[in-house]
Amino acid sequence: MSVQLPRTFPLATIALEDAVQRQFRLLEHTAAHFEGPQLFEADTGVVPGLGRPRTTARVEAVLADFFGAEDAALVQGAGTGAIRAALQGAVSPGDPLLIHRAPVYRTTAVTLRGLGVRTTEVDFNDRAALQEALESGVFAWAYVQHSRQRLADSYDPGEVLAACRAAGVRTVVDDNYAVLRVPASGVELGADASCFSLFKLHGPEGVGAVVGARDLVAHVRGDNYSGGGQVQGHQALDALRALTHVPVMWALQSQVGAEVAARLSAGEVPGVAEVRIANAQDRCLLVRLDRPVARELPAAAARHGAAPYPVGSNSRYEIAPLVYRMSSSSLDDAPELADWTVRINPMRAGADLVIEILRRALHDLEG
């Protein structure tokens, strides 16, 4: 069988001890902006002088301080809404925008098409090609996806952002699937904006964040002047409460994923041919099977307790291990893997449960 997984270059993760310290630091910033009773109170509406609820403004201040940014804005539309809001503030129809040469995440492609920008693709893995594009003087802005777009992507997002900054090119970073899992988000690495979904961080449905430069965040906030577009105070508080446990939760999940990968690679489950840890959207395991049953495996795993499909890729609803097909953007890049490879995310489970579910599901598909 000729199909094989490419070598992957997973992003670094945060150790559990560091995650605990991040949790503590988030609460320190929370205490700096909230008096005790305010953590149990939430207002709504377009408050005169603020243009948004007071509670929302306090949570935004916490996020800005926590990420070391000038400002932050909460938006509706989750991660997609955050990316769209930031890019709307950065570029206008017809403007050139530098992006990575790779399949674009589906909802981001819709945003780019709707904005009418002129995208130019450059392989960010090729430092010389990237440098040449940056030195051309054509681009005022670049868009960088922190998580991998292609399975074989190897570029260091920090190095890409540093090269952009040195060339005077400003950057918007899609930090979905990466923020609070990796040691530093885009804005912490020098980007002008980090955009991410708070729904993917166990927050309420539909809430996203743009964290970054004051002028860009001000543009986002100015565009979102309607009362119906505001993130209300109760949503903002809900998101903040969820964030307090996400760093530790994700550090544990990364540990479990590494253990599962090691045990599968050691041959613990018959039917598994190859395993890679990858940032294929969310950090997950890519498991290549020795038979082309990848399309049938998710349903078989669901009968033994696995989640049958993602909801928000680490949303509050996802507690059982996820056994699912490869992401659409990954399959755009490597369609030959569709019948042979699944992605597995432990979510809140331990390694024993993940392995047992996979073992039983593969056994069900024998013959």
Protein backbone atom coordinates (compact mmCIF):
# COMPACT_ATOMS: atom_id res chain seq x y z
CA MET A 1 0.00 0.00 0.00
CA SER A 2 1.60 3.26 -1.17
CA VAL A 3 -0.36 5.77 0.93
CA GLN A 4 1.69 7.10 3.83
CA LEU A 5 1.40 10.01 6.19
CA PRO A 6 3.76 12.90 5.54
CA ARG A 7 6.19 13.98 8.21
CA THR A 8 4.46 16.53 10.43
CA PHE A 9 5.85 19.42 12.45
CA PRO A 10 3.53 19.90 15.44
CA LEU A 11 3.50 23.24 17.18
CA ALA A 12 5.05 23.35 20.64
CA THR A 13 2.65 22.97 23.56
CA ILE A 14 2.61 24.33 27.10
CA ALA A 15 3.74 22.11 29.95
CA LEU A 16 1.23 21.49 32.73
CA GLU A 17 3.20 23.53 35.28
CA ASP A 18 3.29 26.51 32.91
CA ALA A 19 -0.43 26.12 32.22
CA VAL A 20 -1.15 26.37 35.93
CA GLN A 21 0.81 29.62 36.08
CA ARG A 22 -1.13 30.96 33.10
CA GLN A 23 -4.37 30.22 34.90
CA PHE A 24 -3.14 32.10 37.96
CA ARG A 25 -1.99 35.04 35.81
CA LEU A 26 -5.39 35.26 34.13
CA LEU A 27 -7.03 35.58 37.53
CA GLU A 28 -4.56 38.28 38.53
CA HIS A 29 -5.59 40.34 35.51
CA THR A 30 -9.23 39.61 36.27
CA ALA A 31 -8.84 40.94 39.80
CA ALA A 32 -7.27 44.12 38.39
CA HIS A 33 -10.39 44.92 36.34
CA PHE A 34 -13.27 43.46 38.36
CA GLU A 35 -14.44 44.18 41.85
CA GLY A 36 -15.76 41.02 43.45
CA PRO A 37 -19.52 41.61 43.03
CA GLN A 38 -19.04 42.52 39.36
CA LEU A 39 -18.11 38.91 38.63
CA PHE A 40 -21.70 37.96 39.48
CA GLU A 41 -23.34 40.85 37.62
CA ALA A 42 -23.74 41.46 33.91
CA ASP A 43 -25.21 44.39 32.03
CA THR A 44 -26.49 44.70 28.47
CA GLY A 45 -26.86 47.29 25.76
CA VAL A 46 -24.94 50.10 24.15
CA VAL A 47 -23.74 52.01 27.23
CA PRO A 48 -23.21 55.72 26.42
CA GLY A 49 -19.52 56.51 26.16
CA LEU A 50 -18.58 52.84 25.79
CA GLY A 51 -20.79 51.65 22.97
CA ARG A 52 -21.02 48.23 24.58
CA PRO A 53 -21.87 46.72 27.98
CA ARG A 54 -19.59 47.66 30.87
CA THR A 55 -19.03 44.00 31.66
CA THR A 56 -17.93 43.32 28.10
CA ALA A 57 -15.48 46.22 28.28
CA ARG A 58 -13.98 44.83 31.50
CA VAL A 59 -13.50 41.38 29.98
CA GLU A 60 -11.88 42.98 26.93
CA ALA A 61 -9.46 44.81 29.24
CA VAL A 62 -8.59 41.54 30.98
CA LEU A 63 -7.85 39.87 27.64
CA ALA A 64 -5.73 42.78 26.41
CA ASP A 65 -3.62 42.74 29.55
CA PHE A 66 -3.35 38.96 29.67
CA PHE A 67 -2.03 38.78 26.09
CA GLY A 68 0.13 41.89 26.46
CA ALA A 69 -1.82 43.74 23.77
CA GLU A 70 -2.94 47.34 23.41
CA ASP A 71 -6.64 46.51 23.18
CA ALA A 72 -9.17 43.74 22.61
CA ALA A 73 -12.70 43.53 21.23
CA LEU A 74 -15.25 40.77 21.66
CA VAL A 75 -17.32 40.09 18.55
CA GLN A 76 -20.16 37.88 17.42
CA GLY A 77 -19.48 35.14 14.88
CA ALA A 78 -16.85 33.19 16.86
CA GLY A 79 -13.47 32.75 15.19
CA THR A 80 -14.78 33.42 11.70
CA GLY A 81 -16.38 36.66 12.88
CA ALA A 82 -13.15 37.72 14.57
CA ILE A 83 -11.06 37.10 11.45
CA ARG A 84 -13.59 38.88 9.27
CA ALA A 85 -13.76 41.88 11.62
CA ALA A 86 -9.97 42.21 11.78
CA LEU A 87 -9.44 41.87 8.05
CA GLN A 88 -12.21 44.39 7.37
CA GLY A 89 -10.31 46.82 9.54
CA ALA A 90 -7.01 46.08 7.83
CA VAL A 91 -7.68 45.87 4.10
CA SER A 92 -10.08 47.28 1.53
CA PRO A 93 -11.44 45.78 -1.71
CA GLY A 94 -8.64 45.47 -4.25
CA ASP A 95 -5.84 45.67 -1.69
CA PRO A 96 -3.06 43.09 -1.92
CA LEU A 97 -2.86 40.55 0.93
CA LEU A 98 -0.02 38.09 1.41
CA ILE A 99 -1.09 34.57 2.43
CA HIS A 100 0.47 31.11 2.69
CA ARG A 101 0.39 28.85 -0.36
CA ALA A 102 -1.96 26.17 0.95
CA PRO A 103 -5.65 25.28 1.00
CA VAL A 104 -7.42 28.13 2.79
CA TYR A 105 -9.77 27.26 5.65
CA ARG A 106 -13.25 27.20 4.12
CA THR A 107 -14.84 30.01 6.14
CA THR A 108 -11.74 32.17 5.72
CA ALA A 109 -11.97 31.70 1.95
CA VAL A 110 -15.53 33.06 2.12
CA THR A 111 -14.29 36.08 4.06
CA LEU A 112 -11.48 36.80 1.59
CA ARG A 113 -13.87 36.50 -1.33
CA GLY A 114 -16.38 38.81 0.32
CA LEU A 115 -13.76 41.44 1.10
CA GLY A 116 -12.59 41.48 -2.51
CA VAL A 117 -8.90 41.56 -1.67
CA ARG A 118 -6.17 40.45 -4.07
CA THR A 119 -4.44 37.55 -2.38
CA THR A 120 -0.92 36.50 -3.32
CA GLU A 121 0.24 33.08 -2.19
CA VAL A 122 3.81 32.48 -1.05
CA ASP A 123 5.12 29.31 0.56
CA PHE A 124 5.87 30.35 4.14
CA ASN A 125 8.06 27.24 4.46
CA ASP A 126 10.41 28.83 1.92
CA ARG A 127 12.15 31.63 3.79
CA ALA A 128 13.81 33.05 0.68
CA ALA A 129 10.51 33.24 -1.21
CA LEU A 130 8.81 34.84 1.78
CA GLN A 131 11.58 37.40 2.14
CA GLU A 132 11.42 38.25 -1.55
CA ALA A 133 7.68 38.86 -1.33
CA LEU A 134 8.02 40.98 1.80
CA GLU A 135 10.78 43.11 0.26
CA SER A 136 8.75 43.73 -2.91
CA GLY A 137 6.98 46.67 -1.27
CA VAL A 138 3.65 45.41 -2.59
CA PHE A 139 2.11 44.35 0.70
CA ALA A 140 0.94 46.37 3.67
CA TRP A 141 -0.68 43.35 5.33
CA ALA A 142 -0.16 39.60 5.59
CA TYR A 143 -2.51 36.96 6.92
CA VAL A 144 -1.01 34.07 8.88
CA GLN A 145 -2.79 30.95 10.13
CA HIS A 146 -1.08 29.80 13.33
CA SER A 147 -2.26 26.19 13.07
CA ARG A 148 -1.00 24.19 10.10
CA GLN A 149 -2.80 24.50 6.76
CA ARG A 150 -0.86 21.66 5.13
CA LEU A 151 0.14 18.52 7.01
CA ALA A 152 3.78 18.98 6.03
CA ASP A 153 3.99 22.68 6.96
CA SER A 154 7.13 23.33 8.98
CA TYR A 155 7.45 27.10 9.24
CA ASP A 156 7.81 28.74 12.64
CA PRO A 157 4.93 31.25 12.96
CA GLY A 158 7.11 33.46 15.16
CA GLU A 159 9.78 33.65 12.47
CA VAL A 160 7.21 34.48 9.80
CA LEU A 161 5.78 37.26 11.94
CA ALA A 162 9.24 38.61 12.75
CA ALA A 163 10.12 38.72 9.05
CA CYS A 164 6.88 40.57 8.29
CA ARG A 165 7.50 43.06 11.08
CA ALA A 166 11.08 43.72 9.92
CA ALA A 167 9.77 44.45 6.43
CA GLY A 168 7.10 46.82 7.72
CA VAL A 169 4.26 44.45 6.79
CA ARG A 170 1.49 44.29 9.37
CA THR A 171 -0.12 40.96 10.24
CA VAL A 172 -3.46 39.43 11.18
CA VAL A 173 -3.16 35.96 12.73
CA ASP A 174 -5.79 33.25 12.85
CA ASP A 175 -5.04 31.87 16.33
CA ASN A 176 -7.89 29.37 16.37
CA TYR A 177 -6.76 25.94 17.65
CA ALA A 178 -3.50 27.47 18.92
CA VAL A 179 -4.19 30.19 21.48
CA LEU A 180 -3.58 29.04 25.08
CA ARG A 181 -2.19 25.75 23.78
CA VAL A 182 1.06 27.06 22.30
CA PRO A 183 3.63 29.06 24.30
CA ALA A 184 2.79 32.36 22.58
CA SER A 185 -0.13 33.51 20.45
CA GLY A 186 0.26 35.67 17.37
CA VAL A 187 -0.07 39.00 19.17
CA GLU A 188 2.42 37.83 21.79
CA LEU A 189 4.82 37.09 18.92
CA GLY A 190 4.44 40.60 17.52
CA ALA A 191 1.39 40.37 15.25
CA ASP A 192 -1.00 43.30 14.94
CA ALA A 193 -3.97 41.08 15.76
CA SER A 194 -4.78 37.66 17.10
CA CYS A 195 -8.22 36.40 16.11
CA PHE A 196 -9.82 33.42 17.80
CA SER A 197 -13.04 31.78 18.85
CA LEU A 198 -13.98 31.76 22.51
CA PHE A 199 -16.46 28.99 21.70
CA LYS A 200 -13.40 26.80 21.00
CA LEU A 201 -12.18 27.74 24.48
CA HIS A 202 -15.31 26.43 26.23
CA GLY A 203 -17.05 29.80 26.03
CA PRO A 204 -20.57 30.51 24.79
CA GLU A 205 -21.63 29.93 21.23
CA GLY A 206 -20.81 32.61 18.72
CA VAL A 207 -18.33 34.72 20.69
CA GLY A 208 -14.92 35.59 19.23
CA ALA A 209 -12.07 37.94 20.10
CA VAL A 210 -9.75 40.29 18.26
CA VAL A 211 -6.74 41.12 20.44
CA GLY A 212 -4.03 43.45 19.22
CA ALA A 213 -3.07 46.92 18.06
CA ARG A 214 -5.18 49.82 19.30
CA ASP A 215 -5.91 51.28 15.85
CA LEU A 216 -7.08 47.97 14.40
CA VAL A 217 -9.23 47.08 17.41
CA ALA A 218 -10.73 50.58 17.33
CA HIS A 219 -11.70 49.97 13.71
CA VAL A 220 -13.33 46.66 14.69
CA ARG A 221 -15.24 48.36 17.48
CA GLY A 222 -16.29 51.26 15.26
CA ASP A 223 -17.69 48.92 12.63
CA ASN A 224 -19.65 47.06 15.28
CA TYR A 225 -21.70 49.99 16.54
CA SER A 226 -25.10 48.29 16.40
CA GLY A 227 -26.63 47.16 19.67
CA GLY A 228 -27.61 43.85 18.13
CA GLY A 229 -24.00 43.13 17.23
CA GLN A 230 -22.62 43.54 20.74
CA VAL A 231 -21.37 40.69 22.90
CA GLN A 232 -23.59 41.16 25.94
CA GLY A 233 -22.24 41.19 29.46
CA HIS A 234 -23.46 37.73 30.41
CA GLN A 235 -21.76 36.26 27.31
CA ALA A 236 -18.51 38.02 28.14
CA LEU A 237 -18.55 36.79 31.74
CA ASP A 238 -19.36 33.28 30.57
CA ALA A 239 -16.36 33.35 28.25
CA LEU A 240 -14.06 34.65 30.99
CA ARG A 241 -15.16 31.96 33.43
CA ALA A 242 -14.46 29.27 30.83
CA LEU A 243 -11.00 30.64 30.07
CA THR A 244 -9.88 30.17 33.65
CA HIS A 245 -9.61 26.40 33.24
CA VAL A 246 -8.68 26.10 29.56
CA PRO A 247 -4.86 26.30 29.89
CA VAL A 248 -4.71 23.36 32.31
CA MET A 249 -7.33 21.39 30.40
CA TRP A 250 -5.42 21.73 27.13
CA ALA A 251 -2.06 20.91 28.71
CA LEU A 252 -3.57 17.66 30.01
CA GLN A 253 -5.08 16.95 26.60
CA SER A 254 -1.70 17.42 24.94
CA GLN A 255 -0.14 14.98 27.42
CA VAL A 256 -2.81 12.38 26.73
CA GLY A 257 -2.41 12.80 22.97
CA ALA A 258 1.33 12.17 23.23
CA GLU A 259 0.72 9.04 25.32
CA VAL A 260 -1.86 7.67 22.88
CA ALA A 261 0.50 8.32 19.95
CA ALA A 262 3.33 6.46 21.69
CA ARG A 263 1.16 3.47 22.57
CA LEU A 264 -0.36 3.19 19.10
CA SER A 265 3.09 3.49 17.51
CA ALA A 266 4.22 0.64 19.75
CA GLY A 267 1.56 -1.61 18.22
CA GLU A 268 -0.96 -1.70 21.05
CA VAL A 269 -3.97 -1.66 18.69
CA PRO A 270 -4.09 -4.10 15.76
CA GLY A 271 -5.06 -2.39 12.54
CA VAL A 272 -3.07 0.81 13.13
CA ALA A 273 -0.29 1.24 10.57
CA GLU A 274 1.07 4.70 11.32
CA VAL A 275 0.54 7.62 13.70
CA ARG A 276 1.45 11.30 13.58
CA ILE A 277 0.77 14.15 15.98
CA ALA A 278 -0.33 17.11 13.88
CA ASN A 279 -1.96 20.51 14.06
CA ALA A 280 -4.56 19.61 11.45
CA GLN A 281 -6.85 22.38 12.60
CA ASP A 282 -6.91 21.34 16.26
CA ARG A 283 -3.95 19.40 17.69
CA CYS A 284 -4.79 15.75 17.09
CA LEU A 285 -3.50 12.34 16.13
CA LEU A 286 -3.54 11.30 12.50
CA VAL A 287 -3.99 7.54 12.50
CA ARG A 288 -3.39 5.66 9.27
CA LEU A 289 -5.05 2.26 9.20
CA ASP A 290 -3.85 -0.91 7.52
CA ARG A 291 -7.20 -1.22 5.72
CA PRO A 292 -9.22 1.45 3.85
CA VAL A 293 -11.97 1.68 6.49
CA ALA A 294 -11.43 5.29 7.57
CA ARG A 295 -14.84 6.38 6.31
CA GLU A 296 -16.61 3.69 8.37
CA LEU A 297 -14.54 4.00 11.54
CA PRO A 298 -16.17 7.14 13.08
CA ALA A 299 -19.61 5.52 13.20
CA ALA A 300 -18.15 2.32 14.65
CA ALA A 301 -16.25 4.30 17.30
CA ALA A 302 -19.38 6.27 18.19
CA ARG A 303 -21.11 3.01 19.16
CA HIS A 304 -18.43 2.61 21.85
CA GLY A 305 -18.72 6.14 23.24
CA ALA A 306 -16.70 8.36 20.91
CA ALA A 307 -18.05 11.66 19.65
CA PRO A 308 -19.37 11.14 16.11
CA TYR A 309 -18.43 14.62 14.87
CA PRO A 310 -16.94 17.88 16.18
CA VAL A 311 -19.04 20.74 17.49
CA GLY A 312 -16.45 23.47 17.88
CA SER A 313 -13.26 21.45 18.15
CA ASN A 314 -12.80 21.73 21.90
CA SER A 315 -16.07 23.42 22.71
CA ARG A 316 -17.81 22.87 26.03
CA TYR A 317 -19.96 20.19 24.41
CA GLU A 318 -17.05 17.94 23.47
CA ILE A 319 -16.00 15.67 26.31
CA ALA A 320 -15.74 12.21 24.71
CA PRO A 321 -12.82 11.30 22.43
CA LEU A 322 -13.35 12.41 18.84
CA VAL A 323 -12.74 9.87 16.08
CA TYR A 324 -13.47 11.60 12.79
CA ARG A 325 -12.43 12.09 9.21
CA MET A 326 -9.59 14.38 8.22
CA SER A 327 -10.47 18.06 7.94
CA SER A 328 -11.65 19.33 4.56
CA SER A 329 -8.61 21.56 4.12
CA SER A 330 -6.27 18.65 4.93
CA LEU A 331 -8.04 16.45 2.40
CA ASP A 332 -7.83 19.23 -0.19
CA ASP A 333 -4.06 18.94 0.23
CA ALA A 334 -3.88 15.13 0.55
CA PRO A 335 -7.07 13.52 -0.85
CA GLU A 336 -5.44 10.09 -1.02
CA LEU A 337 -5.65 9.83 2.80
CA ALA A 338 -9.47 9.90 2.94
CA ASP A 339 -9.97 6.13 2.98
CA TRP A 340 -6.99 5.32 5.16
CA THR A 341 -6.66 7.99 7.85
CA VAL A 342 -8.75 9.34 10.72
CA ARG A 343 -8.01 12.07 13.20
CA ILE A 344 -8.38 11.43 16.90
CA ASN A 345 -8.62 14.01 19.67
CA PRO A 346 -8.77 12.69 23.26
CA MET A 347 -10.83 15.70 24.40
CA ARG A 348 -11.34 15.14 28.17
CA ALA A 349 -10.62 11.40 28.19
CA GLY A 350 -7.55 9.48 29.27
CA ALA A 351 -5.37 7.38 27.02
CA ASP A 352 -6.89 4.06 28.15
CA LEU A 353 -10.38 5.01 26.98
CA VAL A 354 -9.15 6.38 23.64
CA ILE A 355 -7.25 3.19 22.89
CA GLU A 356 -10.06 0.90 24.00
CA ILE A 357 -12.62 2.69 21.82
CA LEU A 358 -10.31 2.47 18.81
CA ARG A 359 -9.59 -1.21 19.48
CA ARG A 360 -13.27 -2.12 19.70
CA ALA A 361 -14.24 -0.07 16.65
CA LEU A 362 -11.55 -1.64 14.47
CA HIS A 363 -12.55 -5.09 15.72
CA ASP A 364 -16.15 -4.38 14.68
CA LEU A 365 -14.99 -3.60 11.15
CA GLU A 366 -13.01 -6.80 10.69
CA GLY A 367 -14.15 -8.99 7.85
